[in-house]
Amino acid sequence: GLKKKVVNKGKKAQLKFTIDCQQPADDNIIEPKDLEKFLNSRIKVEGKTGNLGERVLVSREKSKIHINAEAPFSKRYLK
């Protein structure tokens, strides 16, 4: 499941996404740590991969992956 929250902080809008990996992890389809590593390596900031900086933060909490990003950020990466 994918959930989205928008939080206004100053001028830049913060986008918060949560990916729940519980069922795929239970079925041994994918490990949440591998998905976290994949997202870190694939998300582009200003047209470059591996350039997350402080604009995009990917973190993992057991089987949930949290993505905090400054707008503009495409949800396409997470689908």
PDB file of N, CA and C in Angstrom:
ATOM      1  N   GLY A   1       0.837  -1.184   0.000  1.00  0.00           N
ATOM      2  CA  GLY A   1       0.000   0.000   0.000  1.00  0.00           C
ATOM      3  C   GLY A   1       0.873   1.235   0.000  1.00  0.00           C
ATOM      4  N   LEU A   2       0.395   2.292  -0.629  1.00  0.00           N
ATOM      5  CA  LEU A   2       1.120   3.543  -0.740  1.00  0.00           C
ATOM      6  C   LEU A   2       0.237   4.651  -0.209  1.00  0.00           C
ATOM      7  N   LYS A   3       0.754   5.416   0.747  1.00  0.00           N
ATOM      8  CA  LYS A   3      -0.011   6.520   1.316  1.00  0.00           C
ATOM      9  C   LYS A   3       0.779   7.800   1.114  1.00  0.00           C
ATOM     10  N   LYS A   4       0.054   8.918   0.929  1.00  0.00           N
ATOM     11  CA  LYS A   4       0.698  10.193   0.661  1.00  0.00           C
ATOM     12  C   LYS A   4       0.157  11.246   1.616  1.00  0.00           C
ATOM     13  N   LYS A   5       1.056  12.031   2.187  1.00  0.00           N
ATOM     14  CA  LYS A   5       0.676  13.175   3.021  1.00  0.00           C
ATOM     15  C   LYS A   5       1.463  14.376   2.530  1.00  0.00           C
ATOM     16  N   VAL A   6       0.830  15.558   2.552  1.00  0.00           N
ATOM     17  CA  VAL A   6       1.518  16.783   2.160  1.00  0.00           C
ATOM     18  C   VAL A   6       1.586  17.692   3.381  1.00  0.00           C
ATOM     19  N   VAL A   7       2.781  18.144   3.714  1.00  0.00           N
ATOM     20  CA  VAL A   7       2.992  19.031   4.855  1.00  0.00           C
ATOM     21  C   VAL A   7       3.675  20.292   4.344  1.00  0.00           C
ATOM     22  N   ASN A   8       3.085  21.449   4.613  1.00  0.00           N
ATOM     23  CA  ASN A   8       3.707  22.712   4.199  1.00  0.00           C
ATOM     24  C   ASN A   8       4.702  23.156   5.256  1.00  0.00           C
ATOM     25  N   LYS A   9       5.945  23.364   4.834  1.00  0.00           N
ATOM     26  CA  LYS A   9       6.994  23.809   5.742  1.00  0.00           C
ATOM     27  C   LYS A   9       7.683  24.987   5.084  1.00  0.00           C
ATOM     28  N   GLY A  10       7.354  26.185   5.507  1.00  0.00           N
ATOM     29  CA  GLY A  10       7.941  27.354   4.873  1.00  0.00           C
ATOM     30  C   GLY A  10       7.443  27.483   3.449  1.00  0.00           C
ATOM     31  N   LYS A  11       8.367  27.623   2.506  1.00  0.00           N
ATOM     32  CA  LYS A  11       7.977  27.769   1.110  1.00  0.00           C
ATOM     33  C   LYS A  11       7.844  26.429   0.398  1.00  0.00           C
ATOM     34  N   LYS A  12       8.730  25.489   0.728  1.00  0.00           N
ATOM     35  CA  LYS A  12       8.716  24.202   0.042  1.00  0.00           C
ATOM     36  C   LYS A  12       7.702  23.266   0.692  1.00  0.00           C
ATOM     37  N   ALA A  13       6.919  22.583  -0.120  1.00  0.00           N
ATOM     38  CA  ALA A  13       5.970  21.601   0.398  1.00  0.00           C
ATOM     39  C   ALA A  13       6.706  20.281   0.602  1.00  0.00           C
ATOM     40  N   GLN A  14       6.541  19.678   1.769  1.00  0.00           N
ATOM     41  CA  GLN A  14       7.143  18.381   2.057  1.00  0.00           C
ATOM     42  C   GLN A  14       6.132  17.292   1.703  1.00  0.00           C
ATOM     43  N   LEU A  15       6.550  16.346   0.911  1.00  0.00           N
ATOM     44  CA  LEU A  15       5.709  15.209   0.562  1.00  0.00           C
ATOM     45  C   LEU A  15       6.184  14.012   1.363  1.00  0.00           C
ATOM     46  N   LYS A  16       5.243  13.298   1.973  1.00  0.00           N
ATOM     47  CA  LYS A  16       5.588  12.111   2.753  1.00  0.00           C
ATOM     48  C   LYS A  16       4.853  10.921   2.165  1.00  0.00           C
ATOM     49  N   PHE A  17       5.618   9.891   1.830  1.00  0.00           N
ATOM     50  CA  PHE A  17       5.051   8.661   1.287  1.00  0.00           C
ATOM     51  C   PHE A  17       5.427   7.511   2.198  1.00  0.00           C
ATOM     52  N   THR A  18       4.519   6.541   2.314  1.00  0.00           N
ATOM     53  CA  THR A  18       4.792   5.346   3.101  1.00  0.00           C
ATOM     54  C   THR A  18       4.463   4.129   2.250  1.00  0.00           C
ATOM     55  N   ILE A  19       5.421   3.226   2.118  1.00  0.00           N
ATOM     56  CA  ILE A  19       5.219   1.977   1.389  1.00  0.00           C
ATOM     57  C   ILE A  19       5.215   0.854   2.413  1.00  0.00           C
ATOM     58  N   ASP A  20       4.121   0.099   2.452  1.00  0.00           N
ATOM     59  CA  ASP A  20       4.006  -1.018   3.384  1.00  0.00           C
ATOM     60  C   ASP A  20       4.418  -2.298   2.650  1.00  0.00           C
ATOM     61  N   CYS A  21       5.531  -2.897   3.069  1.00  0.00           N
ATOM     62  CA  CYS A  21       6.081  -4.094   2.420  1.00  0.00           C
ATOM     63  C   CYS A  21       5.788  -5.362   3.214  1.00  0.00           C
ATOM     64  N   GLN A  22       4.807  -5.333   4.089  1.00  0.00           N
ATOM     65  CA  GLN A  22       4.551  -6.463   4.982  1.00  0.00           C
ATOM     66  C   GLN A  22       4.232  -7.736   4.208  1.00  0.00           C
ATOM     67  N   GLN A  23       3.255  -7.675   3.297  1.00  0.00           N
ATOM     68  CA  GLN A  23       2.843  -8.885   2.578  1.00  0.00           C
ATOM     69  C   GLN A  23       3.924  -9.424   1.647  1.00  0.00           C
ATOM     70  N   PRO A  24       4.587  -8.591   0.827  1.00  0.00           N
ATOM     71  CA  PRO A  24       5.670  -9.137  -0.006  1.00  0.00           C
ATOM     72  C   PRO A  24       6.810  -9.726   0.828  1.00  0.00           C
ATOM     73  N   ALA A  25       7.087  -9.131   1.986  1.00  0.00           N
ATOM     74  CA  ALA A  25       8.153  -9.650   2.848  1.00  0.00           C
ATOM     75  C   ALA A  25       7.742 -10.997   3.448  1.00  0.00           C
ATOM     76  N   ASP A  26       6.479 -11.128   3.831  1.00  0.00           N
ATOM     77  CA  ASP A  26       5.992 -12.391   4.389  1.00  0.00           C
ATOM     78  C   ASP A  26       6.035 -13.514   3.356  1.00  0.00           C
ATOM     79  N   ASP A  27       5.786 -13.163   2.095  1.00  0.00           N
ATOM     80  CA  ASP A  27       5.783 -14.160   1.020  1.00  0.00           C
ATOM     81  C   ASP A  27       7.176 -14.374   0.427  1.00  0.00           C
ATOM     82  N   ASN A  28       8.201 -13.768   1.013  1.00  0.00           N
ATOM     83  CA  ASN A  28       9.585 -13.871   0.544  1.00  0.00           C
ATOM     84  C   ASN A  28       9.760 -13.420  -0.903  1.00  0.00           C
ATOM     85  N   ILE A  29       8.982 -12.410  -1.305  1.00  0.00           N
ATOM     86  CA  ILE A  29       9.105 -11.859  -2.656  1.00  0.00           C
ATOM     87  C   ILE A  29      10.221 -10.824  -2.690  1.00  0.00           C
ATOM     88  N   ILE A  30      10.241  -9.934  -1.700  1.00  0.00           N
ATOM     89  CA  ILE A  30      11.260  -8.891  -1.647  1.00  0.00           C
ATOM     90  C   ILE A  30      11.546  -8.552  -0.188  1.00  0.00           C
ATOM     91  N   GLU A  31      12.783  -8.198   0.069  1.00  0.00           N
ATOM     92  CA  GLU A  31      13.173  -7.748   1.405  1.00  0.00           C
ATOM     93  C   GLU A  31      13.058  -6.223   1.443  1.00  0.00           C
ATOM     94  N   PRO A  32      12.499  -5.655   2.512  1.00  0.00           N
ATOM     95  CA  PRO A  32      12.374  -4.192   2.591  1.00  0.00           C
ATOM     96  C   PRO A  32      13.713  -3.465   2.473  1.00  0.00           C
ATOM     97  N   LYS A  33      14.797  -4.051   2.996  1.00  0.00           N
ATOM     98  CA  LYS A  33      16.106  -3.384   2.899  1.00  0.00           C
ATOM     99  C   LYS A  33      16.572  -3.314   1.451  1.00  0.00           C
ATOM    100  N   ASP A  34      16.225  -4.339   0.646  1.00  0.00           N
ATOM    101  CA  ASP A  34      16.604  -4.313  -0.768  1.00  0.00           C
ATOM    102  C   ASP A  34      15.817  -3.246  -1.527  1.00  0.00           C
ATOM    103  N   LEU A  35      14.530  -3.093  -1.192  1.00  0.00           N
ATOM    104  CA  LEU A  35      13.713  -2.064  -1.838  1.00  0.00           C
ATOM    105  C   LEU A  35      14.218  -0.677  -1.450  1.00  0.00           C
ATOM    106  N   GLU A  36      14.620  -0.504  -0.203  1.00  0.00           N
ATOM    107  CA  GLU A  36      15.160   0.777   0.249  1.00  0.00           C
ATOM    108  C   GLU A  36      16.431   1.124  -0.529  1.00  0.00           C
ATOM    109  N   LYS A  37      17.307   0.131  -0.707  1.00  0.00           N
ATOM    110  CA  LYS A  37      18.548   0.334  -1.455  1.00  0.00           C
ATOM    111  C   LYS A  37      18.243   0.657  -2.929  1.00  0.00           C
ATOM    112  N   PHE A  38      17.251  -0.031  -3.495  1.00  0.00           N
ATOM    113  CA  PHE A  38      16.836   0.204  -4.875  1.00  0.00           C
ATOM    114  C   PHE A  38      16.335   1.641  -5.047  1.00  0.00           C
ATOM    115  N   LEU A  39      15.479   2.092  -4.121  1.00  0.00           N
ATOM    116  CA  LEU A  39      14.946   3.451  -4.224  1.00  0.00           C
ATOM    117  C   LEU A  39      16.056   4.487  -4.091  1.00  0.00           C
ATOM    118  N   ASN A  40      16.983   4.266  -3.173  1.00  0.00           N
ATOM    119  CA  ASN A  40      18.099   5.198  -3.008  1.00  0.00           C
ATOM    120  C   ASN A  40      18.925   5.316  -4.280  1.00  0.00           C
ATOM    121  N   SER A  41      19.084   4.216  -4.990  1.00  0.00           N
ATOM    122  CA  SER A  41      19.928   4.251  -6.190  1.00  0.00           C
ATOM    123  C   SER A  41      19.175   4.728  -7.426  1.00  0.00           C
ATOM    124  N   ARG A  42      17.834   4.649  -7.451  1.00  0.00           N
ATOM    125  CA  ARG A  42      17.074   4.966  -8.653  1.00  0.00           C
ATOM    126  C   ARG A  42      16.388   6.323  -8.686  1.00  0.00           C
ATOM    127  N   ILE A  43      16.096   6.898  -7.528  1.00  0.00           N
ATOM    128  CA  ILE A  43      15.382   8.179  -7.520  1.00  0.00           C
ATOM    129  C   ILE A  43      16.301   9.275  -8.047  1.00  0.00           C
ATOM    130  N   LYS A  44      15.765  10.077  -8.969  1.00  0.00           N
ATOM    131  CA  LYS A  44      16.531  11.159  -9.571  1.00  0.00           C
ATOM    132  C   LYS A  44      16.167  12.486  -8.926  1.00  0.00           C
ATOM    133  N   VAL A  45      17.188  13.286  -8.650  1.00  0.00           N
ATOM    134  CA  VAL A  45      16.995  14.663  -8.191  1.00  0.00           C
ATOM    135  C   VAL A  45      17.745  15.541  -9.169  1.00  0.00           C
ATOM    136  N   GLU A  46      17.052  16.495  -9.771  1.00  0.00           N
ATOM    137  CA  GLU A  46      17.617  17.372 -10.800  1.00  0.00           C
ATOM    138  C   GLU A  46      18.234  16.576 -11.942  1.00  0.00           C
ATOM    139  N   GLY A  47      17.576  15.476 -12.334  1.00  0.00           N
ATOM    140  CA  GLY A  47      17.997  14.694 -13.480  1.00  0.00           C
ATOM    141  C   GLY A  47      19.157  13.748 -13.235  1.00  0.00           C
ATOM    142  N   LYS A  48      19.604  13.596 -11.984  1.00  0.00           N
ATOM    143  CA  LYS A  48      20.740  12.721 -11.695  1.00  0.00           C
ATOM    144  C   LYS A  48      20.374  11.717 -10.609  1.00  0.00           C
ATOM    145  N   THR A  49      20.758  10.461 -10.833  1.00  0.00           N
ATOM    146  CA  THR A  49      20.542   9.457  -9.804  1.00  0.00           C
ATOM    147  C   THR A  49      21.651   9.551  -8.762  1.00  0.00           C
ATOM    148  N   GLY A  50      21.373   9.066  -7.562  1.00  0.00           N
ATOM    149  CA  GLY A  50      22.379   9.094  -6.506  1.00  0.00           C
ATOM    150  C   GLY A  50      22.680  10.499  -6.006  1.00  0.00           C
ATOM    151  N   ASN A  51      21.742  11.419  -6.220  1.00  0.00           N
ATOM    152  CA  ASN A  51      21.942  12.821  -5.882  1.00  0.00           C
ATOM    153  C   ASN A  51      20.847  13.274  -4.917  1.00  0.00           C
ATOM    154  N   LEU A  52      20.488  12.414  -3.934  1.00  0.00           N
ATOM    155  CA  LEU A  52      19.352  12.716  -3.068  1.00  0.00           C
ATOM    156  C   LEU A  52      19.589  13.925  -2.184  1.00  0.00           C
ATOM    157  N   GLY A  53      20.773  14.044  -1.619  1.00  0.00           N
ATOM    158  CA  GLY A  53      21.088  15.185  -0.775  1.00  0.00           C
ATOM    159  C   GLY A  53      20.120  15.302   0.383  1.00  0.00           C
ATOM    160  N   GLU A  54      19.655  16.515   0.645  1.00  0.00           N
ATOM    161  CA  GLU A  54      18.707  16.733   1.732  1.00  0.00           C
ATOM    162  C   GLU A  54      17.292  16.873   1.219  1.00  0.00           C
ATOM    163  N   ARG A  55      17.105  16.786  -0.083  1.00  0.00           N
ATOM    164  CA  ARG A  55      15.770  16.942  -0.655  1.00  0.00           C
ATOM    165  C   ARG A  55      14.918  15.690  -0.511  1.00  0.00           C
ATOM    166  N   VAL A  56      15.529  14.513  -0.586  1.00  0.00           N
ATOM    167  CA  VAL A  56      14.795  13.255  -0.499  1.00  0.00           C
ATOM    168  C   VAL A  56      15.436  12.405   0.589  1.00  0.00           C
ATOM    169  N   LEU A  57      14.608  11.900   1.494  1.00  0.00           N
ATOM    170  CA  LEU A  57      15.086  11.051   2.568  1.00  0.00           C
ATOM    171  C   LEU A  57      14.314   9.737   2.519  1.00  0.00           C
ATOM    172  N   VAL A  58      15.027   8.623   2.367  1.00  0.00           N
ATOM    173  CA  VAL A  58      14.420   7.295   2.344  1.00  0.00           C
ATOM    174  C   VAL A  58      14.845   6.583   3.611  1.00  0.00           C
ATOM    175  N   SER A  59      13.862   6.170   4.416  1.00  0.00           N
ATOM    176  CA  SER A  59      14.170   5.468   5.655  1.00  0.00           C
ATOM    177  C   SER A  59      13.275   4.249   5.791  1.00  0.00           C
ATOM    178  N   ARG A  60      13.724   3.292   6.615  1.00  0.00           N
ATOM    179  CA  ARG A  60      12.994   2.031   6.760  1.00  0.00           C
ATOM    180  C   ARG A  60      12.721   1.786   8.238  1.00  0.00           C
ATOM    181  N   GLU A  61      11.520   1.299   8.505  1.00  0.00           N
ATOM    182  CA  GLU A  61      11.115   0.948   9.859  1.00  0.00           C
ATOM    183  C   GLU A  61      10.447  -0.415   9.783  1.00  0.00           C
ATOM    184  N   LYS A  62      11.200  -1.465  10.112  1.00  0.00           N
ATOM    185  CA  LYS A  62      10.751  -2.856   9.975  1.00  0.00           C
ATOM    186  C   LYS A  62      10.298  -3.106   8.539  1.00  0.00           C
ATOM    187  N   SER A  63       9.001  -3.273   8.278  1.00  0.00           N
ATOM    188  CA  SER A  63       8.564  -3.581   6.914  1.00  0.00           C
ATOM    189  C   SER A  63       7.924  -2.382   6.219  1.00  0.00           C
ATOM    190  N   LYS A  64       8.107  -1.185   6.748  1.00  0.00           N
ATOM    191  CA  LYS A  64       7.580   0.023   6.113  1.00  0.00           C
ATOM    192  C   LYS A  64       8.736   0.901   5.668  1.00  0.00           C
ATOM    193  N   ILE A  65       8.590   1.481   4.484  1.00  0.00           N
ATOM    194  CA  ILE A  65       9.595   2.390   3.952  1.00  0.00           C
ATOM    195  C   ILE A  65       8.971   3.777   3.879  1.00  0.00           C
ATOM    196  N   HIS A  66       9.644   4.766   4.458  1.00  0.00           N
ATOM    197  CA  HIS A  66       9.149   6.134   4.480  1.00  0.00           C
ATOM    198  C   HIS A  66      10.018   6.977   3.556  1.00  0.00           C
ATOM    199  N   ILE A  67       9.341   7.772   2.712  1.00  0.00           N
ATOM    200  CA  ILE A  67      10.039   8.676   1.813  1.00  0.00           C
ATOM    201  C   ILE A  67       9.559  10.087   2.115  1.00  0.00           C
ATOM    202  N   ASN A  68      10.472  10.965   2.497  1.00  0.00           N
ATOM    203  CA  ASN A  68      10.169  12.385   2.699  1.00  0.00           C
ATOM    204  C   ASN A  68      10.881  13.138   1.588  1.00  0.00           C
ATOM    205  N   ALA A  69      10.118  13.942   0.845  1.00  0.00           N
ATOM    206  CA  ALA A  69      10.699  14.647  -0.295  1.00  0.00           C
ATOM    207  C   ALA A  69      10.153  16.060  -0.378  1.00  0.00           C
ATOM    208  N   GLU A  70      10.993  16.954  -0.861  1.00  0.00           N
ATOM    209  CA  GLU A  70      10.536  18.308  -1.164  1.00  0.00           C
ATOM    210  C   GLU A  70       9.869  18.286  -2.526  1.00  0.00           C
ATOM    211  N   ALA A  71       8.786  19.046  -2.662  1.00  0.00           N
ATOM    212  CA  ALA A  71       8.134  19.163  -3.958  1.00  0.00           C
ATOM    213  C   ALA A  71       9.071  19.922  -4.892  1.00  0.00           C
ATOM    214  N   PRO A  72       9.100  19.688  -6.159  1.00  0.00           N
ATOM    215  CA  PRO A  72       8.357  18.675  -6.895  1.00  0.00           C
ATOM    216  C   PRO A  72       9.006  17.295  -6.802  1.00  0.00           C
ATOM    217  N   PHE A  73       8.173  16.273  -6.641  1.00  0.00           N
ATOM    218  CA  PHE A  73       8.650  14.889  -6.569  1.00  0.00           C
ATOM    219  C   PHE A  73       7.599  14.016  -7.220  1.00  0.00           C
ATOM    220  N   SER A  74       8.011  13.155  -8.136  1.00  0.00           N
ATOM    221  CA  SER A  74       7.090  12.307  -8.853  1.00  0.00           C
ATOM    222  C   SER A  74       6.800  11.021  -8.084  1.00  0.00           C
ATOM    223  N   LYS A  75       5.530  10.737  -7.888  1.00  0.00           N
ATOM    224  CA  LYS A  75       5.123   9.511  -7.209  1.00  0.00           C
ATOM    225  C   LYS A  75       5.396   8.293  -8.090  1.00  0.00           C
ATOM    226  N   ARG A  76       5.682   8.540  -9.355  1.00  0.00           N
ATOM    227  CA  ARG A  76       5.965   7.469 -10.312  1.00  0.00           C
ATOM    228  C   ARG A  76       7.086   6.546  -9.849  1.00  0.00           C
ATOM    229  N   TYR A  77       8.070   7.075  -9.122  1.00  0.00           N
ATOM    230  CA  TYR A  77       9.174   6.258  -8.632  1.00  0.00           C
ATOM    231  C   TYR A  77       8.696   5.178  -7.683  1.00  0.00           C
ATOM    232  N   LEU A  78       7.593   5.412  -7.007  1.00  0.00           N
ATOM    233  CA  LEU A  78       7.164   4.539  -5.927  1.00  0.00           C
ATOM    234  C   LEU A  78       6.100   3.546  -6.344  1.00  0.00           C
ATOM    235  N   LYS A  79       5.547   3.691  -7.529  1.00  0.00           N
ATOM    236  CA  LYS A  79       4.478   2.784  -7.956  1.00  0.00           C
ATOM    237  C   LYS A  79       5.023   1.463  -8.430  1.00  0.00           C
TER     238      LYS A  79
END
